[in-house]
Protein backbone atom coordinates (compact mmCIF):
# COMPACT_ATOMS: atom_id res chain seq x y z
CA UNK A 1 -21.64 -13.54 12.67
CA UNK A 2 -17.84 -13.05 13.22
CA UNK A 3 -18.52 -11.61 16.60
CA UNK A 4 -20.69 -14.62 17.70
CA UNK A 5 -17.89 -17.14 16.35
CA UNK A 6 -15.29 -15.10 18.34
CA UNK A 7 -17.32 -14.89 21.51
CA UNK A 8 -18.05 -18.59 21.23
CA UNK A 9 -14.26 -19.39 20.75
CA UNK A 10 -13.16 -17.25 23.46
CA UNK A 11 -15.62 -18.82 25.74
CA UNK A 12 -14.53 -22.27 24.90
CA UNK A 13 -10.80 -21.23 25.26
CA UNK A 14 -11.59 -19.93 28.97
CA UNK A 15 -13.16 -23.19 29.63
CA UNK A 16 -9.96 -24.84 28.22
CA UNK A 17 -7.69 -22.66 30.32
CA UNK A 18 -9.83 -23.72 33.52
CA UNK A 19 -9.78 -27.35 32.62
CA UNK A 20 -5.90 -27.06 31.59
CA UNK A 21 -5.08 -25.56 35.13
CA UNK A 22 -7.29 -28.18 36.81
CA UNK A 23 -5.33 -31.05 34.94
CA UNK A 24 -2.10 -29.34 35.76
CA UNK A 25 -2.89 -29.69 39.42
CA UNK A 26 -3.19 -33.47 38.99
CA UNK A 27 0.47 -33.76 37.40
CA UNK A 28 2.42 -31.08 38.99
CA UNK A 29 5.83 -32.36 38.10
CA UNK A 30 7.87 -34.48 35.63
CA UNK A 31 7.75 -34.40 31.96
CA UNK A 32 3.88 -34.36 31.84
CA UNK A 33 3.74 -31.50 34.28
CA UNK A 34 6.24 -29.46 32.00
CA UNK A 35 4.37 -30.11 29.01
CA UNK A 36 0.93 -29.23 30.66
CA UNK A 37 2.68 -25.79 31.65
CA UNK A 38 3.67 -25.40 28.03
CA UNK A 39 0.16 -26.25 26.90
CA UNK A 40 -1.77 -23.83 29.38
CA UNK A 41 0.64 -21.05 28.00
CA UNK A 42 -0.31 -21.78 24.40
CA UNK A 43 -3.93 -21.84 25.62
CA UNK A 44 -3.51 -18.46 27.32
CA UNK A 45 -1.84 -17.07 24.14
CA UNK A 46 -4.63 -18.41 21.88
CA UNK A 47 -7.14 -16.74 24.02
CA UNK A 48 -5.37 -13.40 23.84
CA UNK A 49 -5.48 -14.01 20.12
CA UNK A 50 -9.03 -14.11 20.41
CA UNK A 51 -9.31 -10.81 22.02
CA UNK A 52 -7.02 -9.26 19.62
CA UNK A 53 -8.81 -10.45 16.51
CA UNK A 54 -12.13 -9.34 18.21
CA UNK A 55 -10.78 -5.89 18.95
CA UNK A 56 -9.18 -5.53 15.36
CA UNK A 57 -12.30 -6.69 13.50
CA UNK A 58 -15.34 -5.61 15.88
CA UNK A 59 -16.75 -2.85 13.62
CA UNK A 60 -15.40 -3.98 10.11
CA UNK A 61 -17.89 -5.26 7.61
CA UNK A 62 -18.27 -9.00 7.53
CA UNK A 63 -16.48 -10.80 4.57
CA UNK A 64 -15.57 -14.22 3.65
CA UNK A 65 -12.08 -14.05 4.91
CA UNK A 66 -13.28 -12.99 8.62
CA UNK A 67 -15.68 -15.72 8.58
CA UNK A 68 -13.08 -18.25 7.56
CA UNK A 69 -10.71 -17.03 10.31
CA UNK A 70 -13.46 -17.16 13.02
CA UNK A 71 -14.19 -20.73 11.85
CA UNK A 72 -10.59 -21.74 12.33
CA UNK A 73 -10.41 -20.27 15.69
CA UNK A 74 -13.35 -21.94 16.86
CA UNK A 75 -12.21 -25.18 15.44
CA UNK A 76 -8.90 -24.55 17.03
CA UNK A 77 -10.51 -24.29 20.44
CA UNK A 78 -12.24 -27.41 19.74
CA UNK A 79 -9.13 -29.23 18.92
CA UNK A 80 -7.63 -27.90 22.24
CA UNK A 81 -10.78 -29.25 24.07
CA UNK A 82 -10.06 -32.78 22.58
CA UNK A 83 -6.38 -32.64 23.50
CA UNK A 84 -7.11 -31.78 27.02
CA UNK A 85 -9.63 -34.53 27.14
CA UNK A 86 -6.98 -37.02 25.82
CA UNK A 87 -4.56 -35.87 28.34
CA UNK A 88 -6.93 -36.42 31.10
CA UNK A 89 -7.67 -40.03 29.87
CA UNK A 90 -3.93 -40.66 29.77
CA UNK A 91 -3.62 -39.45 33.38
CA UNK A 92 -6.60 -41.54 34.53
CA UNK A 93 -5.02 -44.53 32.78
CA UNK A 94 -1.71 -44.01 34.25
CA UNK A 95 -3.09 -43.60 37.79
CA UNK A 96 -4.50 -46.96 37.52
C-alpha cells in the first residue's frame, strides 16, 4: 500500500514539475518569474523526498505511521497541483 502511495505521489510530482517548468516559460522574469523558480525548486526537492522515503521504506513492514506519511505526501502533491493551476489562472487573467 505504501509503495502504491509513493509511486502515485511521485508520478504526480513529476507531472507538477513538468507543469511548473511550462508555467515558468510563460513568466520568465519579474517577481512572478522569481517565485516560480523558487516553487520549481521546492517541487524538485519534494519529488526527491518521495524517492528518499521510497528507498528507506521499501522493504519495511507496513504500519499505520507509514500509511499516514504516504497519505500526507500524496495530498501534498495534490496541493502543489492546485497551486500550479491557480498560478496558471492568475497568469491568464493578467495576460488579458
